[in-house]
N, C-alpha and C. Protein backbone atom coordinates (compact mmCIF):
# COMPACT_ATOMS: atom_id res chain seq x y z
N UNK A 1 -11.71 3.73 -35.11
CA UNK A 1 -11.86 3.46 -36.42
C UNK A 1 -11.69 4.81 -37.09
N UNK A 2 -10.97 5.05 -38.19
CA UNK A 2 -11.01 6.21 -38.91
C UNK A 2 -11.93 6.13 -40.07
N UNK A 3 -12.39 7.51 -40.36
CA UNK A 3 -13.33 7.58 -41.54
C UNK A 3 -12.37 7.22 -42.83
N UNK A 4 -13.03 6.35 -43.72
CA UNK A 4 -12.20 6.02 -44.84
C UNK A 4 -12.67 6.87 -45.92
N UNK A 5 -11.68 7.60 -46.68
CA UNK A 5 -11.97 8.38 -47.72
C UNK A 5 -12.09 7.53 -49.00
N UNK A 6 -12.81 8.14 -50.04
CA UNK A 6 -12.80 7.54 -51.40
C UNK A 6 -11.44 7.63 -51.96
N UNK A 7 -10.62 8.60 -51.51
CA UNK A 7 -9.32 8.87 -52.11
C UNK A 7 -8.34 8.29 -51.08
N UNK A 8 -7.88 6.99 -51.31
CA UNK A 8 -6.91 6.24 -50.52
C UNK A 8 -5.63 6.97 -50.28
N UNK A 9 -4.98 7.69 -51.14
CA UNK A 9 -3.72 8.50 -51.01
C UNK A 9 -4.05 9.57 -50.03
N UNK A 10 -5.07 10.23 -50.20
CA UNK A 10 -5.40 11.36 -49.22
C UNK A 10 -5.65 10.70 -47.83
N UNK A 11 -6.44 9.65 -47.63
CA UNK A 11 -6.68 9.02 -46.49
C UNK A 11 -5.22 8.65 -45.75
N UNK A 12 -4.41 8.01 -46.55
CA UNK A 12 -3.08 7.67 -45.88
C UNK A 12 -2.22 8.90 -45.52
N UNK A 13 -2.26 9.93 -46.35
CA UNK A 13 -1.59 11.16 -45.97
C UNK A 13 -2.08 11.89 -44.79
N UNK A 14 -3.45 11.93 -44.67
CA UNK A 14 -3.97 12.39 -43.44
C UNK A 14 -3.65 11.64 -42.17
N UNK A 15 -3.63 10.31 -42.37
CA UNK A 15 -3.38 9.40 -41.27
C UNK A 15 -1.92 9.41 -40.85
N UNK A 16 -1.07 9.71 -41.78
CA UNK A 16 0.43 9.86 -41.37
C UNK A 16 0.67 11.12 -40.79
N UNK A 17 0.19 12.15 -41.19
CA UNK A 17 0.27 13.47 -40.69
C UNK A 17 -0.41 14.54 -41.55
N UNK A 18 -1.64 14.91 -40.96
CA UNK A 18 -2.49 15.81 -41.71
C UNK A 18 -1.84 17.04 -42.33
N UNK A 19 -0.79 17.51 -41.74
CA UNK A 19 -0.03 18.74 -42.10
C UNK A 19 0.55 18.50 -43.63
N UNK A 20 1.03 17.42 -43.84
CA UNK A 20 1.53 17.06 -45.19
C UNK A 20 0.58 16.66 -46.36
N UNK A 21 -0.63 16.52 -45.96
CA UNK A 21 -1.86 16.15 -46.81
C UNK A 21 -2.32 17.20 -47.73
N UNK A 22 -2.86 16.94 -48.75
CA UNK A 22 -3.39 17.95 -49.68
C UNK A 22 -4.77 18.36 -49.23
N UNK A 23 -4.83 19.08 -48.17
CA UNK A 23 -6.14 19.61 -47.67
C UNK A 23 -6.33 21.07 -48.07
N UNK A 24 -7.59 21.37 -48.11
CA UNK A 24 -7.94 22.86 -48.35
C UNK A 24 -7.54 23.60 -47.22
N UNK A 25 -7.53 24.94 -47.36
CA UNK A 25 -7.32 25.82 -46.12
C UNK A 25 -8.28 25.56 -44.96
N UNK A 26 -9.55 25.42 -45.37
CA UNK A 26 -10.66 25.05 -44.41
C UNK A 26 -10.39 23.72 -43.69
N UNK A 27 -10.09 22.73 -44.55
CA UNK A 27 -9.75 21.40 -43.90
C UNK A 27 -8.52 21.54 -42.96
N UNK A 28 -7.51 22.38 -43.41
CA UNK A 28 -6.38 22.46 -42.41
C UNK A 28 -6.79 23.16 -41.13
N UNK A 29 -7.62 24.18 -41.24
CA UNK A 29 -7.95 24.89 -40.02
C UNK A 29 -8.91 23.96 -39.06
N UNK A 30 -9.66 23.15 -39.62
CA UNK A 30 -10.56 22.13 -38.86
C UNK A 30 -9.48 21.06 -38.31
N UNK A 31 -8.59 20.71 -39.14
CA UNK A 31 -7.65 19.69 -38.48
C UNK A 31 -6.80 20.14 -37.17
N UNK A 32 -6.38 21.29 -37.54
CA UNK A 32 -5.56 22.06 -36.48
C UNK A 32 -6.36 22.28 -35.25
N UNK A 33 -7.78 22.69 -35.30
CA UNK A 33 -8.52 22.74 -34.33
C UNK A 33 -8.69 21.43 -33.46
N UNK A 34 -8.96 20.49 -34.24
CA UNK A 34 -9.14 19.14 -33.77
C UNK A 34 -8.09 18.72 -32.93
N UNK A 35 -6.76 18.85 -33.44
CA UNK A 35 -5.43 18.50 -32.78
C UNK A 35 -5.46 19.30 -31.47
N UNK A 36 -5.69 20.69 -31.53
CA UNK A 36 -5.46 21.50 -30.42
C UNK A 36 -6.57 21.11 -29.20
N UNK A 37 -7.85 20.89 -29.68
CA UNK A 37 -8.75 20.54 -28.70
C UNK A 37 -8.55 19.26 -28.11
N UNK A 38 -7.85 18.26 -28.93
CA UNK A 38 -7.55 17.02 -28.32
C UNK A 38 -6.31 16.91 -27.49
N UNK A 39 -5.35 17.73 -27.83
CA UNK A 39 -4.03 17.66 -27.08
C UNK A 39 -4.05 18.68 -25.83
N UNK A 40 -4.67 19.78 -26.09
CA UNK A 40 -4.58 20.83 -24.96
C UNK A 40 -5.94 21.64 -25.08
N UNK A 41 -7.05 21.11 -24.54
CA UNK A 41 -8.32 21.79 -24.65
C UNK A 41 -8.27 23.16 -23.99
N UNK A 42 -7.68 23.34 -22.88
CA UNK A 42 -7.67 24.55 -22.20
C UNK A 42 -6.91 25.70 -22.96
N UNK A 43 -6.15 25.33 -23.83
CA UNK A 43 -5.48 26.31 -24.54
C UNK A 43 -6.28 26.94 -25.81
N UNK A 44 -7.43 26.40 -26.00
CA UNK A 44 -8.24 26.97 -27.08
C UNK A 44 -8.80 28.44 -26.68
N UNK A 45 -8.46 29.32 -27.61
CA UNK A 45 -8.77 30.74 -27.38
C UNK A 45 -9.80 31.25 -28.23
N UNK A 46 -10.16 32.58 -27.96
CA UNK A 46 -11.11 33.28 -28.86
C UNK A 46 -10.61 33.36 -30.28
N UNK A 47 -9.23 33.53 -30.50
CA UNK A 47 -8.54 33.54 -31.59
C UNK A 47 -8.78 32.31 -32.39
N UNK A 48 -8.73 31.12 -31.84
CA UNK A 48 -8.90 29.94 -32.41
C UNK A 48 -10.32 29.83 -33.07
N UNK A 49 -11.23 30.30 -32.27
CA UNK A 49 -12.68 30.17 -32.64
C UNK A 49 -12.83 31.33 -33.78
N UNK A 50 -12.16 32.33 -33.72
CA UNK A 50 -12.37 33.32 -34.95
C UNK A 50 -11.75 32.67 -36.15
N UNK A 51 -10.71 31.89 -36.08
CA UNK A 51 -10.11 31.23 -37.16
C UNK A 51 -11.14 30.30 -37.81
N UNK A 52 -11.97 29.64 -37.08
CA UNK A 52 -12.97 28.75 -37.51
C UNK A 52 -13.91 29.60 -38.21
N UNK A 53 -14.34 30.65 -37.71
CA UNK A 53 -15.25 31.56 -38.32
C UNK A 53 -14.83 32.14 -39.62
N UNK A 54 -13.50 32.24 -39.79
CA UNK A 54 -12.86 32.82 -40.92
C UNK A 54 -12.90 31.84 -42.15
N UNK A 55 -13.18 30.58 -41.82
CA UNK A 55 -13.30 29.57 -42.86
C UNK A 55 -14.77 29.17 -43.06
N UNK A 56 -15.63 29.89 -42.40
CA UNK A 56 -17.02 29.61 -42.69
C UNK A 56 -17.98 29.02 -41.73
N UNK A 57 -17.38 28.70 -40.52
CA UNK A 57 -18.15 28.13 -39.50
C UNK A 57 -18.84 29.29 -38.74
N UNK A 58 -20.16 29.01 -38.40
CA UNK A 58 -20.98 29.91 -37.52
C UNK A 58 -20.87 29.34 -36.07
N UNK A 59 -21.50 29.94 -35.15
CA UNK A 59 -21.45 29.44 -33.85
C UNK A 59 -21.96 27.92 -33.64
N UNK A 60 -23.08 27.70 -34.48
CA UNK A 60 -23.71 26.39 -34.40
C UNK A 60 -22.76 25.38 -34.97
N UNK A 61 -22.02 25.80 -36.02
CA UNK A 61 -21.14 24.89 -36.67
C UNK A 61 -19.85 24.66 -35.74
N UNK A 62 -19.40 25.69 -35.02
CA UNK A 62 -18.32 25.59 -33.95
C UNK A 62 -18.79 24.61 -32.90
N UNK A 63 -20.03 24.69 -32.41
CA UNK A 63 -20.39 23.78 -31.29
C UNK A 63 -20.61 22.43 -31.93
N UNK A 64 -20.96 22.17 -33.12
CA UNK A 64 -21.12 20.91 -33.59
C UNK A 64 -19.86 20.23 -33.92
N UNK A 65 -18.82 21.08 -34.43
CA UNK A 65 -17.44 20.74 -34.55
C UNK A 65 -16.84 20.19 -33.25
N UNK A 66 -16.93 20.98 -32.37
CA UNK A 66 -16.33 20.77 -30.95
C UNK A 66 -17.15 19.47 -30.37
N UNK A 67 -18.47 19.36 -30.47
CA UNK A 67 -19.03 18.10 -30.00
C UNK A 67 -18.60 16.86 -30.66
N UNK A 68 -18.22 16.84 -32.04
CA UNK A 68 -17.78 15.78 -32.65
C UNK A 68 -16.44 15.45 -32.23
N UNK A 69 -15.55 16.34 -32.10
CA UNK A 69 -14.27 16.12 -31.76
C UNK A 69 -14.18 15.57 -30.33
N UNK A 70 -15.03 16.13 -29.38
CA UNK A 70 -15.11 15.62 -27.99
C UNK A 70 -15.60 14.19 -28.03
N UNK A 71 -16.58 13.93 -28.75
CA UNK A 71 -17.12 12.55 -28.89
C UNK A 71 -16.14 11.48 -29.28
N UNK A 72 -15.38 11.88 -30.30
CA UNK A 72 -14.34 10.94 -30.81
C UNK A 72 -13.29 10.74 -29.75
N UNK A 73 -12.92 11.86 -29.09
CA UNK A 73 -11.92 11.64 -27.96
C UNK A 73 -12.44 10.78 -26.90
N UNK A 74 -13.70 10.96 -26.53
CA UNK A 74 -14.26 10.26 -25.48
C UNK A 74 -14.30 8.73 -25.81
N UNK A 75 -14.87 8.45 -27.04
CA UNK A 75 -14.89 7.08 -27.51
C UNK A 75 -13.63 6.39 -27.57
N UNK A 76 -12.60 7.04 -28.16
CA UNK A 76 -11.37 6.54 -28.20
C UNK A 76 -10.70 6.31 -26.81
N UNK A 77 -10.89 7.21 -25.79
CA UNK A 77 -10.32 6.85 -24.44
C UNK A 77 -11.11 5.81 -23.87
N UNK A 78 -12.44 5.71 -24.00
CA UNK A 78 -13.16 4.55 -23.43
C UNK A 78 -12.62 3.24 -24.03
N UNK A 79 -12.51 3.15 -25.32
CA UNK A 79 -11.97 1.91 -25.96
C UNK A 79 -10.62 1.63 -25.54
N UNK A 80 -9.71 2.53 -25.45
CA UNK A 80 -8.33 2.31 -25.00
C UNK A 80 -8.26 1.94 -23.53
N UNK A 81 -9.15 2.55 -22.65
CA UNK A 81 -9.09 2.31 -21.34
C UNK A 81 -9.59 0.95 -20.97
N UNK A 82 -10.49 0.52 -21.82
CA UNK A 82 -11.07 -0.98 -21.65
C UNK A 82 -10.34 -1.99 -22.38
N UNK A 83 -9.40 -1.52 -23.29
CA UNK A 83 -8.62 -2.60 -23.92
C UNK A 83 -9.30 -3.11 -25.07
N UNK A 84 -10.23 -2.33 -25.79
CA UNK A 84 -10.87 -2.84 -26.78
C UNK A 84 -9.92 -2.87 -28.01
N UNK A 85 -10.00 -4.04 -28.75
CA UNK A 85 -9.23 -4.25 -29.81
C UNK A 85 -7.78 -4.69 -29.56
N UNK A 86 -7.55 -4.93 -28.35
CA UNK A 86 -6.18 -5.52 -28.04
C UNK A 86 -6.23 -7.04 -27.93
């Protein structure tokens, strides 16, 4: 289940492809990191973490962001693997 925004148009744009959505620079960096961590976690580099710092995250924020992304990935894989919702 995706988080539902108060802005339905923004929600639909992010759902379709976050790159085309009207996101702030910070939101774009966070979304790009979430995608990279989801698709190829071993490819995350120090430069990626520096990019998060450049938009205001400190080390605690980066750890929290990573934990949230990892948790969503875990829960989605569990649900998919168990056929939940099919």
